[in-house]
Amino acid sequence: MVSWNKLTVGCCRTDEPSLILNTTCSVINYSGTLNASGNVYLSVYGWTTNPFVEYYVVEHWGTVEPGWQTGLKPVGTLTSDGATYSTFQIVRYNHIDGSVTLRQFWSVRQTKRTSGTVSFANHTDAWAKAGLSLGTHNYQVVAVEGYGGSGSASVTVD
C-alpha cells in the first residue's frame, strides 16, 4: 500500500518487496486498487544497461496521459492483452548526474485498468520493430508513481 497527499514536486513510488520482480518477466499478472486525484501511473517499470534504457508499460494513468508529455515521440501502436497501446520514446541528455544520456521507451494502454496481465514480451517486440533496443535487464517492478495531488494504491503481483 502506498499513499500520498498534496505531493506537488517529485514522485511517490512503491518499491515494496512484493512488487519487485526477481527476474525480468515475460508475463506479469497483477491486481489492485487505485484512487487518486492528480497524476499517477500504474505501470511495469524497469531499466536496462548497455544501453541505458528506462521503460514503462503504463496500465493506468491519472489526469495527464503519459504519451502527451512534452518531448515524447510516437513510434507506433501494438495490440496486447485485449487493448491497444500507444508506444513512444524520448532521449534525455545530461540526465541524472549531468553526464548520462537516458532513453525512455513507453507503452501506454489506451483503456485504463488496475488488474490484469501484461505480456511484456509483446512490448519489447514492438519496441524492437520500431528500432528501439533494450540492453541487459537490471530491474523490473510493478510501480505506482504519484505526481501531484493525493491518492492511495494497493497492488499485488501474482
N, C-alpha and C. Protein backbone atom coordinates (compact mmCIF):
# COMPACT_ATOMS: atom_id res chain seq x y z
N MET A 1 0.85 -1.17 0.00
CA MET A 1 0.00 0.00 0.00
C MET A 1 0.89 1.23 0.00
N VAL A 2 0.56 2.17 -0.84
CA VAL A 2 1.26 3.44 -0.88
C VAL A 2 0.21 4.54 -0.90
N SER A 3 0.52 5.66 -0.25
CA SER A 3 -0.39 6.80 -0.29
C SER A 3 0.43 8.08 -0.35
N TRP A 4 -0.18 9.13 -0.87
CA TRP A 4 0.47 10.42 -0.97
C TRP A 4 -0.60 11.49 -0.80
N ASN A 5 -0.17 12.68 -0.34
CA ASN A 5 -1.10 13.76 -0.08
C ASN A 5 -0.45 15.08 -0.44
N LYS A 6 -1.06 15.79 -1.35
CA LYS A 6 -0.60 17.11 -1.77
C LYS A 6 0.84 17.11 -2.25
N LEU A 7 1.23 16.04 -2.92
CA LEU A 7 2.56 15.95 -3.49
C LEU A 7 2.59 16.85 -4.72
N THR A 8 3.42 17.88 -4.69
CA THR A 8 3.45 18.81 -5.82
C THR A 8 4.69 18.65 -6.67
N VAL A 9 5.77 18.22 -6.09
CA VAL A 9 7.01 18.02 -6.84
C VAL A 9 7.58 16.68 -6.41
N GLY A 10 8.05 15.93 -7.38
CA GLY A 10 8.67 14.67 -7.05
C GLY A 10 7.76 13.49 -7.30
N CYS A 11 8.13 12.40 -6.72
CA CYS A 11 7.47 11.14 -7.04
C CYS A 11 7.30 10.33 -5.77
N CYS A 12 6.17 9.72 -5.64
CA CYS A 12 5.94 8.75 -4.59
C CYS A 12 5.82 7.41 -5.28
N ARG A 13 6.84 6.58 -5.16
CA ARG A 13 6.84 5.29 -5.86
C ARG A 13 6.86 4.18 -4.83
N THR A 14 6.08 3.16 -5.07
CA THR A 14 6.14 2.00 -4.21
C THR A 14 7.16 1.02 -4.76
N ASP A 15 8.10 0.65 -3.93
CA ASP A 15 9.07 -0.38 -4.27
C ASP A 15 9.00 -1.47 -3.21
N GLU A 16 7.78 -1.80 -2.83
CA GLU A 16 7.60 -2.84 -1.83
C GLU A 16 8.20 -4.14 -2.36
N PRO A 17 8.84 -4.92 -1.48
CA PRO A 17 9.46 -6.17 -1.92
C PRO A 17 8.51 -7.10 -2.68
N SER A 18 7.23 -7.08 -2.33
CA SER A 18 6.29 -7.98 -3.00
C SER A 18 6.04 -7.59 -4.46
N LEU A 19 6.39 -6.35 -4.83
CA LEU A 19 6.16 -5.89 -6.19
C LEU A 19 7.41 -5.95 -7.06
N ILE A 20 8.57 -6.11 -6.45
CA ILE A 20 9.81 -6.20 -7.21
C ILE A 20 9.93 -7.62 -7.77
N LEU A 21 10.10 -7.70 -9.04
CA LEU A 21 10.17 -9.00 -9.72
C LEU A 21 11.61 -9.50 -9.70
N ASN A 22 11.81 -10.73 -9.30
CA ASN A 22 13.16 -11.27 -9.15
C ASN A 22 13.90 -11.41 -10.48
N THR A 23 13.16 -11.58 -11.54
CA THR A 23 13.76 -11.65 -12.86
C THR A 23 12.89 -10.79 -13.79
N THR A 24 13.40 -10.53 -14.95
CA THR A 24 12.58 -9.82 -15.93
C THR A 24 11.57 -10.81 -16.46
N CYS A 25 10.31 -10.53 -16.21
CA CYS A 25 9.24 -11.46 -16.56
C CYS A 25 8.70 -11.16 -17.95
N SER A 26 8.37 -12.21 -18.67
CA SER A 26 7.74 -12.00 -19.97
C SER A 26 6.23 -11.86 -19.83
N VAL A 27 5.66 -12.41 -18.74
CA VAL A 27 4.22 -12.26 -18.46
C VAL A 27 4.08 -11.90 -16.98
N ILE A 28 3.36 -10.82 -16.70
CA ILE A 28 3.18 -10.33 -15.34
C ILE A 28 1.69 -10.25 -15.05
N ASN A 29 1.25 -10.91 -14.00
CA ASN A 29 -0.14 -10.85 -13.55
C ASN A 29 -0.19 -10.00 -12.29
N TYR A 30 -1.07 -9.02 -12.26
CA TYR A 30 -1.16 -8.12 -11.11
C TYR A 30 -2.62 -7.80 -10.84
N SER A 31 -2.91 -7.36 -9.62
CA SER A 31 -4.26 -6.91 -9.27
C SER A 31 -4.15 -5.83 -8.21
N GLY A 32 -5.11 -4.92 -8.24
CA GLY A 32 -5.04 -3.86 -7.24
C GLY A 32 -6.16 -2.86 -7.33
N THR A 33 -6.01 -1.85 -6.49
CA THR A 33 -6.93 -0.71 -6.48
C THR A 33 -6.10 0.55 -6.55
N LEU A 34 -6.69 1.58 -7.12
CA LEU A 34 -6.02 2.86 -7.27
C LEU A 34 -7.06 3.96 -7.15
N ASN A 35 -6.85 4.85 -6.21
CA ASN A 35 -7.74 6.01 -6.02
C ASN A 35 -6.85 7.24 -5.96
N ALA A 36 -6.99 8.11 -6.95
CA ALA A 36 -6.08 9.25 -7.00
C ALA A 36 -6.74 10.46 -7.62
N SER A 37 -6.33 11.63 -7.15
CA SER A 37 -6.60 12.88 -7.83
C SER A 37 -5.23 13.41 -8.25
N GLY A 38 -5.17 14.01 -9.40
CA GLY A 38 -3.87 14.42 -9.92
C GLY A 38 -3.31 13.35 -10.83
N ASN A 39 -2.01 13.40 -11.03
CA ASN A 39 -1.40 12.48 -11.97
C ASN A 39 -0.77 11.29 -11.25
N VAL A 40 -0.94 10.13 -11.86
CA VAL A 40 -0.41 8.89 -11.29
C VAL A 40 -0.21 7.90 -12.43
N TYR A 41 0.78 7.02 -12.28
CA TYR A 41 0.97 5.93 -13.23
C TYR A 41 0.97 4.62 -12.44
N LEU A 42 0.28 3.64 -12.96
CA LEU A 42 0.42 2.24 -12.53
C LEU A 42 1.06 1.54 -13.72
N SER A 43 2.26 1.02 -13.54
CA SER A 43 2.99 0.52 -14.70
C SER A 43 3.95 -0.60 -14.32
N VAL A 44 4.33 -1.35 -15.34
CA VAL A 44 5.52 -2.19 -15.25
C VAL A 44 6.67 -1.25 -15.60
N TYR A 45 7.60 -1.12 -14.68
CA TYR A 45 8.69 -0.16 -14.83
C TYR A 45 10.01 -0.90 -14.65
N GLY A 46 11.01 -0.50 -15.41
CA GLY A 46 12.32 -1.09 -15.23
C GLY A 46 13.37 -0.37 -16.03
N TRP A 47 14.60 -0.92 -15.98
CA TRP A 47 15.66 -0.35 -16.80
C TRP A 47 16.67 -1.41 -17.21
N THR A 48 17.42 -1.05 -18.24
CA THR A 48 18.48 -1.90 -18.75
C THR A 48 19.77 -1.08 -18.83
N THR A 49 20.89 -1.77 -18.95
CA THR A 49 22.17 -1.11 -19.20
C THR A 49 22.75 -1.66 -20.50
N ASN A 50 23.63 -0.87 -21.07
CA ASN A 50 24.31 -1.23 -22.33
C ASN A 50 23.34 -1.59 -23.46
N PRO A 51 22.47 -0.68 -23.87
CA PRO A 51 22.39 0.72 -23.48
C PRO A 51 21.50 0.94 -22.24
N PHE A 52 21.71 2.12 -21.65
CA PHE A 52 20.90 2.53 -20.50
C PHE A 52 19.54 2.98 -21.01
N VAL A 53 18.51 2.19 -20.70
CA VAL A 53 17.14 2.47 -21.14
C VAL A 53 16.22 2.29 -19.94
N GLU A 54 15.35 3.25 -19.73
CA GLU A 54 14.29 3.16 -18.73
C GLU A 54 13.00 2.91 -19.49
N TYR A 55 12.14 2.00 -18.98
CA TYR A 55 10.91 1.71 -19.71
C TYR A 55 9.70 1.68 -18.79
N TYR A 56 8.56 1.99 -19.41
CA TYR A 56 7.26 1.97 -18.74
C TYR A 56 6.25 1.26 -19.63
N VAL A 57 5.49 0.34 -19.06
CA VAL A 57 4.28 -0.17 -19.69
C VAL A 57 3.16 0.31 -18.77
N VAL A 58 2.51 1.39 -19.17
CA VAL A 58 1.54 2.08 -18.31
C VAL A 58 0.16 1.46 -18.48
N GLU A 59 -0.37 0.96 -17.38
CA GLU A 59 -1.69 0.32 -17.37
C GLU A 59 -2.80 1.28 -16.93
N HIS A 60 -2.47 2.25 -16.11
CA HIS A 60 -3.44 3.23 -15.64
C HIS A 60 -2.70 4.54 -15.43
N TRP A 61 -3.35 5.63 -15.77
CA TRP A 61 -2.75 6.95 -15.61
C TRP A 61 -3.83 7.90 -15.10
N GLY A 62 -3.37 8.99 -14.51
CA GLY A 62 -4.27 9.95 -13.88
C GLY A 62 -4.77 11.02 -14.83
N THR A 63 -4.50 12.27 -14.50
CA THR A 63 -5.07 13.39 -15.23
C THR A 63 -4.37 13.67 -16.56
N VAL A 64 -3.13 13.27 -16.69
CA VAL A 64 -2.38 13.53 -17.93
C VAL A 64 -1.94 12.20 -18.52
N GLU A 65 -2.40 11.92 -19.73
CA GLU A 65 -1.97 10.70 -20.41
C GLU A 65 -0.48 10.81 -20.70
N PRO A 66 0.32 9.84 -20.27
CA PRO A 66 1.78 9.94 -20.42
C PRO A 66 2.26 10.19 -21.84
N GLY A 67 1.57 9.67 -22.83
CA GLY A 67 2.01 9.83 -24.21
C GLY A 67 2.01 11.26 -24.71
N TRP A 68 1.38 12.15 -23.98
CA TRP A 68 1.31 13.53 -24.44
C TRP A 68 2.22 14.44 -23.65
N GLN A 69 3.19 13.84 -22.95
CA GLN A 69 4.20 14.65 -22.28
C GLN A 69 5.08 15.34 -23.30
N THR A 70 5.60 16.46 -22.93
CA THR A 70 6.49 17.19 -23.82
C THR A 70 7.71 16.34 -24.16
N GLY A 71 7.95 16.21 -25.43
CA GLY A 71 9.15 15.54 -25.88
C GLY A 71 9.00 14.07 -26.25
N LEU A 72 7.91 13.43 -25.85
CA LEU A 72 7.74 12.03 -26.22
C LEU A 72 7.41 11.92 -27.70
N LYS A 73 8.12 11.06 -28.39
CA LYS A 73 7.94 10.88 -29.83
C LYS A 73 7.15 9.59 -30.08
N PRO A 74 5.99 9.68 -30.74
CA PRO A 74 5.24 8.46 -31.06
C PRO A 74 6.04 7.57 -32.01
N VAL A 75 6.03 6.26 -31.74
CA VAL A 75 6.73 5.32 -32.61
C VAL A 75 5.82 4.21 -33.13
N GLY A 76 4.55 4.18 -32.67
CA GLY A 76 3.64 3.17 -33.19
C GLY A 76 2.58 2.77 -32.19
N THR A 77 1.93 1.66 -32.48
CA THR A 77 0.94 1.08 -31.59
C THR A 77 1.12 -0.44 -31.58
N LEU A 78 0.57 -1.06 -30.57
CA LEU A 78 0.52 -2.51 -30.55
C LEU A 78 -0.76 -2.93 -29.85
N THR A 79 -1.23 -4.13 -30.18
CA THR A 79 -2.37 -4.71 -29.50
C THR A 79 -1.86 -5.86 -28.65
N SER A 80 -2.20 -5.82 -27.36
CA SER A 80 -1.76 -6.85 -26.44
C SER A 80 -2.72 -6.92 -25.27
N ASP A 81 -2.99 -8.11 -24.80
CA ASP A 81 -3.80 -8.31 -23.59
C ASP A 81 -5.15 -7.60 -23.68
N GLY A 82 -5.76 -7.64 -24.86
CA GLY A 82 -7.10 -7.11 -25.04
C GLY A 82 -7.22 -5.61 -25.21
N ALA A 83 -6.12 -4.93 -25.48
CA ALA A 83 -6.18 -3.47 -25.63
C ALA A 83 -5.12 -2.99 -26.62
N THR A 84 -5.29 -1.75 -27.01
CA THR A 84 -4.30 -1.07 -27.85
C THR A 84 -3.42 -0.21 -26.97
N TYR A 85 -2.14 -0.26 -27.23
CA TYR A 85 -1.16 0.58 -26.54
C TYR A 85 -0.51 1.51 -27.56
N SER A 86 -0.32 2.76 -27.20
CA SER A 86 0.48 3.68 -27.99
C SER A 86 1.91 3.60 -27.48
N THR A 87 2.88 3.61 -28.39
CA THR A 87 4.28 3.49 -27.99
C THR A 87 5.03 4.78 -28.31
N PHE A 88 5.97 5.11 -27.43
CA PHE A 88 6.71 6.37 -27.52
C PHE A 88 8.15 6.15 -27.10
N GLN A 89 8.98 7.12 -27.47
CA GLN A 89 10.34 7.16 -26.95
C GLN A 89 10.74 8.60 -26.70
N ILE A 90 11.74 8.78 -25.87
CA ILE A 90 12.34 10.09 -25.65
C ILE A 90 13.80 9.86 -25.27
N VAL A 91 14.65 10.78 -25.66
CA VAL A 91 16.05 10.76 -25.25
C VAL A 91 16.27 11.97 -24.37
N ARG A 92 16.80 11.72 -23.18
CA ARG A 92 17.09 12.81 -22.23
C ARG A 92 18.61 12.90 -22.09
N TYR A 93 19.16 14.05 -22.49
CA TYR A 93 20.60 14.26 -22.45
C TYR A 93 21.02 14.85 -21.11
N ASN A 94 22.24 14.54 -20.70
CA ASN A 94 22.80 15.07 -19.45
C ASN A 94 21.87 14.80 -18.28
N HIS A 95 21.36 13.59 -18.23
CA HIS A 95 20.39 13.20 -17.20
C HIS A 95 21.12 12.66 -15.97
N ILE A 96 20.46 12.62 -14.88
CA ILE A 96 20.91 12.09 -13.59
C ILE A 96 22.04 12.93 -13.03
N ASP A 97 23.29 12.67 -13.40
CA ASP A 97 24.40 13.43 -12.82
C ASP A 97 25.00 14.43 -13.82
N GLY A 98 24.29 14.69 -14.90
CA GLY A 98 24.77 15.64 -15.89
C GLY A 98 25.61 15.03 -16.98
N SER A 99 25.82 13.70 -16.92
CA SER A 99 26.66 13.08 -17.93
C SER A 99 26.02 11.88 -18.61
N VAL A 100 24.85 11.48 -18.19
CA VAL A 100 24.22 10.27 -18.69
C VAL A 100 23.16 10.60 -19.74
N THR A 101 23.23 9.92 -20.88
CA THR A 101 22.16 10.00 -21.87
C THR A 101 21.19 8.86 -21.57
N LEU A 102 19.96 9.21 -21.33
CA LEU A 102 18.94 8.24 -20.95
C LEU A 102 17.88 8.17 -22.03
N ARG A 103 17.60 6.96 -22.49
CA ARG A 103 16.48 6.74 -23.41
C ARG A 103 15.35 6.14 -22.60
N GLN A 104 14.14 6.57 -22.89
CA GLN A 104 12.95 6.00 -22.27
C GLN A 104 12.04 5.46 -23.36
N PHE A 105 11.52 4.25 -23.14
CA PHE A 105 10.53 3.64 -24.03
C PHE A 105 9.23 3.54 -23.22
N TRP A 106 8.13 3.90 -23.86
CA TRP A 106 6.82 3.90 -23.21
C TRP A 106 5.83 3.11 -24.04
N SER A 107 5.01 2.31 -23.38
CA SER A 107 3.78 1.76 -23.96
C SER A 107 2.66 2.21 -23.05
N VAL A 108 1.66 2.88 -23.60
CA VAL A 108 0.58 3.44 -22.79
C VAL A 108 -0.73 2.82 -23.22
N ARG A 109 -1.35 2.09 -22.31
CA ARG A 109 -2.64 1.44 -22.58
C ARG A 109 -3.70 2.53 -22.77
N GLN A 110 -4.49 2.40 -23.83
CA GLN A 110 -5.50 3.41 -24.12
C GLN A 110 -6.74 3.28 -23.27
N THR A 111 -7.00 2.08 -22.71
CA THR A 111 -8.10 1.89 -21.77
C THR A 111 -7.50 1.53 -20.42
N LYS A 112 -7.74 2.35 -19.42
CA LYS A 112 -7.12 2.17 -18.10
C LYS A 112 -7.65 0.93 -17.39
N ARG A 113 -6.75 0.32 -16.59
CA ARG A 113 -7.18 -0.78 -15.72
C ARG A 113 -6.22 -0.88 -14.54
N THR A 114 -6.68 -1.56 -13.48
CA THR A 114 -5.85 -1.72 -12.29
C THR A 114 -5.57 -3.18 -11.96
N SER A 115 -6.02 -4.09 -12.80
CA SER A 115 -5.75 -5.52 -12.63
C SER A 115 -5.65 -6.15 -14.00
N GLY A 116 -4.81 -7.16 -14.13
CA GLY A 116 -4.73 -7.86 -15.40
C GLY A 116 -3.39 -8.51 -15.64
N THR A 117 -3.13 -8.79 -16.89
CA THR A 117 -1.90 -9.43 -17.34
C THR A 117 -1.18 -8.50 -18.29
N VAL A 118 0.11 -8.37 -18.11
CA VAL A 118 0.96 -7.64 -19.06
C VAL A 118 1.88 -8.66 -19.71
N SER A 119 1.72 -8.83 -21.00
CA SER A 119 2.62 -9.69 -21.78
C SER A 119 3.80 -8.83 -22.21
N PHE A 120 4.78 -8.73 -21.32
CA PHE A 120 5.89 -7.80 -21.52
C PHE A 120 6.65 -8.08 -22.80
N ALA A 121 6.76 -9.33 -23.18
CA ALA A 121 7.47 -9.68 -24.41
C ALA A 121 6.84 -9.02 -25.64
N ASN A 122 5.52 -8.82 -25.63
CA ASN A 122 4.87 -8.14 -26.76
C ASN A 122 5.35 -6.70 -26.88
N HIS A 123 5.60 -6.06 -25.75
CA HIS A 123 6.07 -4.67 -25.76
C HIS A 123 7.52 -4.60 -26.24
N THR A 124 8.36 -5.50 -25.75
CA THR A 124 9.75 -5.47 -26.20
C THR A 124 9.84 -5.77 -27.70
N ASP A 125 8.98 -6.66 -28.18
CA ASP A 125 8.95 -6.95 -29.63
C ASP A 125 8.54 -5.72 -30.42
N ALA A 126 7.50 -5.01 -29.95
CA ALA A 126 7.03 -3.80 -30.65
C ALA A 126 8.09 -2.71 -30.63
N TRP A 127 8.76 -2.53 -29.50
CA TRP A 127 9.84 -1.55 -29.43
C TRP A 127 10.96 -1.92 -30.39
N ALA A 128 11.32 -3.19 -30.44
CA ALA A 128 12.40 -3.63 -31.33
C ALA A 128 12.04 -3.39 -32.79
N LYS A 129 10.77 -3.65 -33.16
CA LYS A 129 10.34 -3.41 -34.55
C LYS A 129 10.41 -1.94 -34.91
N ALA A 130 10.33 -1.06 -33.90
CA ALA A 130 10.44 0.38 -34.13
C ALA A 130 11.90 0.85 -34.04
N GLY A 131 12.83 -0.11 -33.91
CA GLY A 131 14.24 0.24 -33.84
C GLY A 131 14.73 0.62 -32.46
N LEU A 132 13.95 0.30 -31.43
CA LEU A 132 14.29 0.65 -30.05
C LEU A 132 14.84 -0.59 -29.35
N SER A 133 16.11 -0.59 -29.05
CA SER A 133 16.78 -1.77 -28.49
C SER A 133 17.00 -1.62 -26.99
N LEU A 134 16.62 -2.65 -26.26
CA LEU A 134 16.90 -2.73 -24.83
C LEU A 134 18.27 -3.37 -24.63
N GLY A 135 18.83 -3.16 -23.45
CA GLY A 135 20.10 -3.78 -23.12
C GLY A 135 19.91 -4.94 -22.17
N THR A 136 20.83 -5.06 -21.22
CA THR A 136 20.78 -6.10 -20.21
C THR A 136 19.85 -5.65 -19.08
N HIS A 137 18.85 -6.46 -18.77
CA HIS A 137 17.86 -6.07 -17.75
C HIS A 137 18.48 -6.09 -16.36
N ASN A 138 18.21 -5.02 -15.61
CA ASN A 138 18.73 -4.89 -14.26
C ASN A 138 17.65 -4.81 -13.20
N TYR A 139 16.47 -4.34 -13.56
CA TYR A 139 15.45 -4.06 -12.55
C TYR A 139 14.10 -4.04 -13.22
N GLN A 140 13.11 -4.64 -12.56
CA GLN A 140 11.74 -4.58 -13.06
C GLN A 140 10.79 -4.65 -11.86
N VAL A 141 9.77 -3.82 -11.88
CA VAL A 141 8.84 -3.74 -10.76
C VAL A 141 7.47 -3.33 -11.30
N VAL A 142 6.43 -3.69 -10.60
CA VAL A 142 5.12 -3.09 -10.85
C VAL A 142 5.07 -1.87 -9.94
N ALA A 143 5.02 -0.70 -10.52
CA ALA A 143 5.19 0.54 -9.77
C ALA A 143 3.93 1.39 -9.80
N VAL A 144 3.72 2.11 -8.73
CA VAL A 144 2.72 3.17 -8.67
C VAL A 144 3.48 4.45 -8.38
N GLU A 145 3.36 5.43 -9.27
CA GLU A 145 4.05 6.69 -9.11
C GLU A 145 3.02 7.81 -9.09
N GLY A 146 3.03 8.60 -8.03
CA GLY A 146 2.14 9.74 -7.93
C GLY A 146 2.89 11.03 -8.17
N TYR A 147 2.34 11.88 -9.00
CA TYR A 147 2.94 13.18 -9.31
C TYR A 147 1.88 14.23 -9.09
N GLY A 148 1.85 14.84 -7.95
CA GLY A 148 0.86 15.87 -7.67
C GLY A 148 -0.44 15.26 -7.18
N GLY A 149 -1.21 16.04 -6.50
CA GLY A 149 -2.48 15.56 -5.99
C GLY A 149 -2.32 14.62 -4.81
N SER A 150 -3.33 13.80 -4.61
CA SER A 150 -3.36 12.88 -3.48
C SER A 150 -3.89 11.54 -3.96
N GLY A 151 -3.63 10.50 -3.19
CA GLY A 151 -4.19 9.22 -3.55
C GLY A 151 -3.63 8.08 -2.74
N SER A 152 -4.12 6.89 -3.10
CA SER A 152 -3.62 5.67 -2.49
C SER A 152 -3.76 4.54 -3.48
N ALA A 153 -2.94 3.52 -3.30
CA ALA A 153 -2.97 2.37 -4.18
C ALA A 153 -2.53 1.14 -3.40
N SER A 154 -3.10 0.03 -3.76
CA SER A 154 -2.70 -1.26 -3.22
C SER A 154 -2.64 -2.23 -4.39
N VAL A 155 -1.47 -2.80 -4.65
CA VAL A 155 -1.27 -3.66 -5.80
C VAL A 155 -0.50 -4.90 -5.37
N THR A 156 -0.89 -6.04 -5.89
CA THR A 156 -0.14 -7.28 -5.66
C THR A 156 0.22 -7.90 -7.00
N VAL A 157 1.32 -8.61 -7.01
CA VAL A 157 1.76 -9.34 -8.20
C VAL A 157 1.58 -10.82 -7.90
N ASP A 158 0.89 -11.51 -8.81
CA ASP A 158 0.64 -12.94 -8.61
C ASP A 158 1.83 -13.76 -9.02
